Amino acid sequence: MAHRLKKEKDYRYIEVGEGTPIIVLHGLMGGLSNFESVTKYFSTKGYKVVIPELPIYTMSLLKTNVKSFAKYLHDFIEFKGFDEVILLGNSLGGHIGLYHTKLYPKKVKALVITGSSGLYESAMGGGYTKRSDYEVIKKKAQDVFYDPEIATKEIVDEVYETVNDRNKLIKTLAIAKSAIRHNMAKDLPNMTTPTCIIWGKNDTVTPPEVAEEFNELLPDSELFWIDKCGHAAMMEHPDEFNEILNNWLTKKGF
């Protein structure tokens, strides 16, 4: 990503544009660059797009869980002095956004989730956690997307490096267990934050029925589908993703 990473206090983040803050939360194996088109688009539409680097592999093992990351996010929002934010999360990032919203509802104006964990047990780290040869990892990375070409060599290399790093592997397993432990099914009916659910119709990591369940359980949600699309809609169909989200935000007056 062309944008410079800011380093302040204990935080590393990208910040582009001015206006209502949209805080973007990346997934377990997802880099900040996955949201390049979101950043470019919304930073010109009256929003300040902020992407913090989540301390997924740097937290102590005891704190490597969804709740700790939600608290980390809260501390970051306080540090930035934001009153109200829009949270946008993919995969684990969606789960962290949901859990943060449960803990600090007054801070969250709106929530956007795509391919989010939080309901479906095998949404996290499935199959990645056994050290494998490069071709196996490549196939797993490609399976995340409807179009395998989206899994560039750079993405595959990063996943391969992660699963072959013992420390990162242990943290990945800890997060996977935490995601199961922090199932949100009982919490969602009490969460009244307006929520936009954007989902790939061909997501095999968090299948379409997961999106339908989120939509049923959340009191104020709308579900939008993107066809021929896997687990990372904002990467596979960036224009459609941005248009859906922009229309929803406009309709809601955010």
Protein backbone atom coordinates (compact mmCIF):
# COMPACT_ATOMS: atom_id res chain seq x y z
CA MET A 1 0.00 0.00 0.00
CA ALA A 2 1.33 3.40 -0.97
CA HIS A 3 0.15 5.05 2.25
CA ARG A 4 2.69 5.64 4.98
CA LEU A 5 2.39 3.65 8.19
CA LYS A 6 2.16 6.04 11.14
CA LYS A 7 3.83 5.00 14.39
CA GLU A 8 2.57 6.63 17.58
CA LYS A 9 2.79 5.31 21.12
CA ASP A 10 2.13 1.52 20.82
CA TYR A 11 0.18 1.88 17.58
CA ARG A 12 1.01 1.45 13.91
CA TYR A 13 -1.69 2.50 11.49
CA ILE A 14 -2.61 4.03 8.16
CA GLU A 15 -4.78 7.15 8.12
CA VAL A 16 -6.16 8.77 4.97
CA GLY A 17 -8.81 11.45 4.38
CA GLU A 18 -10.91 13.67 6.65
CA GLY A 19 -14.37 13.21 8.14
CA THR A 20 -16.24 10.47 10.00
CA PRO A 21 -13.71 7.79 10.99
CA ILE A 22 -14.05 4.39 9.33
CA ILE A 23 -11.79 2.01 11.25
CA VAL A 24 -10.85 -1.00 9.16
CA LEU A 25 -10.01 -4.28 10.92
CA HIS A 26 -7.97 -6.83 9.00
CA GLY A 27 -8.19 -10.61 9.37
CA LEU A 28 -5.78 -13.20 10.70
CA MET A 29 -3.77 -13.64 7.51
CA GLY A 30 -4.87 -10.38 5.92
CA GLY A 31 -2.52 -7.46 5.38
CA LEU A 32 -3.44 -3.78 5.48
CA SER A 33 -3.05 -3.66 1.69
CA ASN A 34 -6.17 -5.84 1.30
CA PHE A 35 -8.18 -2.67 1.87
CA GLU A 36 -6.42 -0.46 -0.66
CA SER A 37 -9.54 0.19 -2.76
CA VAL A 38 -11.68 0.87 0.35
CA THR A 39 -9.08 3.39 1.53
CA LYS A 40 -8.81 5.11 -1.82
CA TYR A 41 -12.58 5.27 -2.35
CA PHE A 42 -13.88 6.34 1.06
CA SER A 43 -11.08 8.81 1.84
CA THR A 44 -12.48 10.93 -1.03
CA LYS A 45 -16.11 10.62 0.16
CA GLY A 46 -15.91 12.55 3.42
CA TYR A 47 -14.48 9.81 5.62
CA LYS A 48 -11.22 9.40 7.49
CA VAL A 49 -10.13 5.82 6.80
CA VAL A 50 -7.95 4.42 9.59
CA ILE A 51 -6.39 0.94 9.46
CA PRO A 52 -4.61 -0.08 12.67
CA GLU A 53 -2.16 -2.95 12.56
CA LEU A 54 -3.67 -5.41 15.03
CA PRO A 55 -1.13 -6.99 17.43
CA ILE A 56 -2.08 -10.51 16.39
CA TYR A 57 1.43 -11.94 16.71
CA THR A 58 2.87 -9.52 19.28
CA MET A 59 0.40 -9.81 22.18
CA SER A 60 1.41 -12.16 24.98
CA LEU A 61 -0.07 -15.64 24.50
CA LEU A 62 -2.47 -15.10 27.41
CA LYS A 63 -3.87 -12.02 25.68
CA THR A 64 -4.02 -13.53 22.20
CA ASN A 65 -7.81 -13.60 22.05
CA VAL A 66 -10.77 -11.76 20.56
CA LYS A 67 -11.61 -9.91 23.79
CA SER A 68 -8.08 -8.51 24.19
CA PHE A 69 -8.06 -7.31 20.58
CA ALA A 70 -11.45 -5.62 21.13
CA LYS A 71 -9.99 -3.82 24.16
CA TYR A 72 -6.89 -2.90 22.17
CA LEU A 73 -9.21 -1.36 19.55
CA HIS A 74 -11.04 0.58 22.27
CA ASP A 75 -7.74 1.94 23.59
CA PHE A 76 -6.75 2.95 20.06
CA ILE A 77 -10.07 4.80 19.51
CA GLU A 78 -9.56 6.60 22.84
CA PHE A 79 -5.95 7.43 21.89
CA LYS A 80 -7.16 8.95 18.60
CA GLY A 81 -9.86 10.93 20.43
CA PHE A 82 -12.70 9.66 18.24
CA ASP A 83 -16.22 10.05 19.67
CA GLU A 84 -18.03 7.72 17.30
CA VAL A 85 -16.66 5.43 14.61
CA ILE A 86 -17.80 3.14 11.83
CA LEU A 87 -16.11 -0.27 12.15
CA LEU A 88 -15.43 -2.35 9.05
CA GLY A 89 -14.02 -5.84 9.60
CA ASN A 90 -13.17 -8.85 7.45
CA SER A 91 -12.89 -12.37 8.88
CA LEU A 92 -11.28 -12.14 12.37
CA GLY A 93 -11.51 -8.34 11.99
CA GLY A 94 -15.30 -8.64 11.76
CA HIS A 95 -15.35 -10.71 14.94
CA ILE A 96 -13.21 -8.13 16.77
CA GLY A 97 -15.55 -5.38 15.51
CA LEU A 98 -18.60 -7.29 16.75
CA TYR A 99 -17.05 -7.98 20.16
CA HIS A 100 -15.92 -4.36 20.51
CA THR A 101 -19.46 -3.23 19.68
CA LYS A 102 -20.84 -5.54 22.35
CA LEU A 103 -18.46 -4.06 24.96
CA TYR A 104 -18.59 -0.38 23.87
CA PRO A 105 -21.83 0.17 21.92
CA LYS A 106 -21.86 3.95 22.40
CA LYS A 107 -18.58 4.29 20.51
CA VAL A 108 -19.84 2.55 17.36
CA LYS A 109 -22.10 4.46 14.98
CA ALA A 110 -22.27 1.59 12.49
CA LEU A 111 -20.76 -1.82 11.88
CA VAL A 112 -19.78 -3.43 8.57
CA ILE A 113 -18.87 -7.13 8.46
CA THR A 114 -17.70 -9.26 5.56
CA GLY A 115 -16.72 -12.93 5.83
CA SER A 116 -16.76 -12.49 9.59
CA SER A 117 -16.06 -15.13 12.20
CA GLY A 118 -18.08 -15.09 15.40
CA LEU A 119 -20.72 -17.71 14.63
CA TYR A 120 -19.03 -20.42 12.65
CA GLU A 121 -16.45 -22.55 14.44
CA SER A 122 -14.14 -23.39 11.57
CA ALA A 123 -14.02 -19.80 10.32
CA MET A 124 -10.53 -19.35 11.70
CA GLY A 125 -7.23 -20.86 10.71
CA GLY A 126 -8.80 -24.08 9.46
CA GLY A 127 -6.20 -26.35 7.93
CA TYR A 128 -3.49 -23.69 8.00
CA THR A 129 -2.17 -24.80 11.31
CA LYS A 130 -0.23 -27.86 10.21
CA ARG A 131 3.10 -26.91 8.73
CA SER A 132 2.91 -27.79 5.07
CA ASP A 133 4.83 -27.58 1.87
CA TYR A 134 4.48 -24.54 -0.34
CA GLU A 135 2.07 -26.05 -2.88
CA VAL A 136 -0.39 -27.12 -0.16
CA ILE A 137 -0.33 -23.61 1.32
CA LYS A 138 -0.76 -22.10 -2.14
CA LYS A 139 -3.88 -24.20 -2.74
CA LYS A 140 -5.32 -23.22 0.66
CA ALA A 141 -4.67 -19.53 -0.01
CA GLN A 142 -6.34 -19.84 -3.44
CA ASP A 143 -9.39 -21.53 -1.89
CA VAL A 144 -10.10 -18.37 0.10
CA PHE A 145 -11.04 -16.65 -3.17
CA TYR A 146 -13.53 -17.49 -5.91
CA ASP A 147 -10.85 -16.48 -8.44
CA PRO A 148 -7.59 -18.23 -7.45
CA GLU A 149 -5.58 -15.58 -9.33
CA ILE A 150 -6.29 -13.14 -6.48
CA ALA A 151 -3.92 -15.22 -4.32
CA THR A 152 -0.74 -13.57 -5.61
CA LYS A 153 2.70 -14.97 -4.87
CA GLU A 154 3.09 -12.22 -2.26
CA ILE A 155 -0.05 -13.40 -0.41
CA VAL A 156 0.98 -17.08 -0.60
CA ASP A 157 4.50 -16.26 0.61
CA GLU A 158 3.11 -14.39 3.61
CA VAL A 159 0.81 -17.28 4.61
CA TYR A 160 3.65 -19.80 4.11
CA GLU A 161 5.96 -17.73 6.30
CA THR A 162 3.27 -17.43 9.00
CA VAL A 163 2.51 -21.15 9.28
CA ASN A 164 6.20 -22.04 9.30
CA ASP A 165 7.00 -19.59 12.09
CA ARG A 166 6.52 -21.47 15.38
CA ASN A 167 5.57 -18.37 17.40
CA LYS A 168 3.02 -17.24 14.80
CA LEU A 169 1.64 -20.75 14.50
CA ILE A 170 1.04 -20.95 18.28
CA LYS A 171 -0.66 -17.54 18.20
CA THR A 172 -2.79 -18.61 15.22
CA LEU A 173 -3.99 -21.67 17.14
CA ALA A 174 -4.72 -19.52 20.21
CA ILE A 175 -6.82 -17.12 18.11
CA ALA A 176 -8.67 -19.99 16.44
CA LYS A 177 -9.60 -21.40 19.86
CA SER A 178 -10.56 -17.95 21.11
CA ALA A 179 -12.86 -17.40 18.11
CA ILE A 180 -14.74 -20.59 19.01
CA ARG A 181 -14.87 -19.59 22.69
CA HIS A 182 -16.18 -16.12 21.88
CA ASN A 183 -19.17 -17.28 19.86
CA MET A 184 -21.54 -14.32 19.52
CA ALA A 185 -24.88 -16.08 18.88
CA LYS A 186 -26.34 -15.15 22.29
CA ASP A 187 -25.04 -11.56 22.15
CA LEU A 188 -26.22 -10.54 18.69
CA PRO A 189 -29.97 -10.16 19.46
CA ASN A 190 -29.07 -7.49 22.05
CA MET A 191 -26.83 -5.50 19.69
CA THR A 192 -28.84 -2.69 18.10
CA THR A 193 -25.99 -1.00 16.19
CA PRO A 194 -26.91 -0.60 12.49
CA THR A 195 -24.96 -3.32 10.66
CA CYS A 196 -24.17 -3.76 6.99
CA ILE A 197 -23.37 -7.38 6.05
CA ILE A 198 -21.58 -7.79 2.71
CA TRP A 199 -20.86 -11.41 1.79
CA GLY A 200 -19.40 -13.43 -1.05
CA LYS A 201 -21.95 -15.93 -2.39
CA ASN A 202 -19.11 -18.41 -2.92
CA ASP A 203 -17.35 -17.98 0.44
CA THR A 204 -16.15 -21.41 1.57
CA VAL A 205 -14.43 -20.16 4.75
CA THR A 206 -17.56 -18.58 6.26
CA PRO A 207 -20.32 -19.98 4.01
CA PRO A 208 -23.45 -18.00 2.98
CA GLU A 209 -25.58 -19.51 5.75
CA VAL A 210 -23.30 -17.75 8.27
CA ALA A 211 -24.23 -14.38 6.73
CA GLU A 212 -27.92 -15.34 6.86
CA GLU A 213 -27.60 -16.22 10.54
CA PHE A 214 -25.88 -12.91 11.32
CA ASN A 215 -28.71 -11.14 9.51
CA GLU A 216 -31.39 -13.07 11.43
CA LEU A 217 -29.81 -12.52 14.84
CA LEU A 218 -28.84 -8.83 14.54
CA PRO A 219 -31.86 -6.54 15.16
CA ASP A 220 -30.81 -3.77 12.74
CA SER A 221 -28.93 -5.37 9.85
CA GLU A 222 -29.05 -5.57 6.08
CA LEU A 223 -27.45 -8.34 4.03
CA PHE A 224 -25.93 -7.79 0.58
CA TRP A 225 -24.54 -10.54 -1.65
CA ILE A 226 -21.69 -10.37 -4.14
CA ASP A 227 -21.74 -13.10 -6.78
CA LYS A 228 -18.65 -15.06 -7.90
CA CYS A 229 -16.94 -13.96 -4.72
CA GLY A 230 -15.13 -15.77 -1.89
CA HIS A 231 -14.06 -14.76 1.61
CA ALA A 232 -12.58 -11.30 0.93
CA ALA A 233 -15.17 -9.32 -1.03
CA MET A 234 -13.31 -6.01 -0.72
CA MET A 235 -10.36 -7.60 -2.60
CA GLU A 236 -12.20 -9.68 -5.21
CA HIS A 237 -14.90 -7.18 -6.17
CA PRO A 238 -13.67 -3.84 -4.80
CA ASP A 239 -15.91 -1.61 -6.94
CA GLU A 240 -19.09 -3.51 -6.11
CA PHE A 241 -18.13 -3.70 -2.42
CA ASN A 242 -17.50 0.06 -2.24
CA GLU A 243 -20.72 0.88 -4.07
CA ILE A 244 -22.84 -1.33 -1.77
CA LEU A 245 -21.26 0.16 1.34
CA ASN A 246 -21.44 3.76 0.10
CA ASN A 247 -25.14 3.37 -0.79
CA TRP A 248 -25.88 1.87 2.62
CA LEU A 249 -23.99 4.60 4.50
CA THR A 250 -25.76 7.29 2.43
CA LYS A 251 -29.18 5.74 3.05
CA LYS A 252 -28.49 5.56 6.78
CA GLY A 253 -27.21 9.13 6.85
CA PHE A 254 -23.73 8.19 8.07
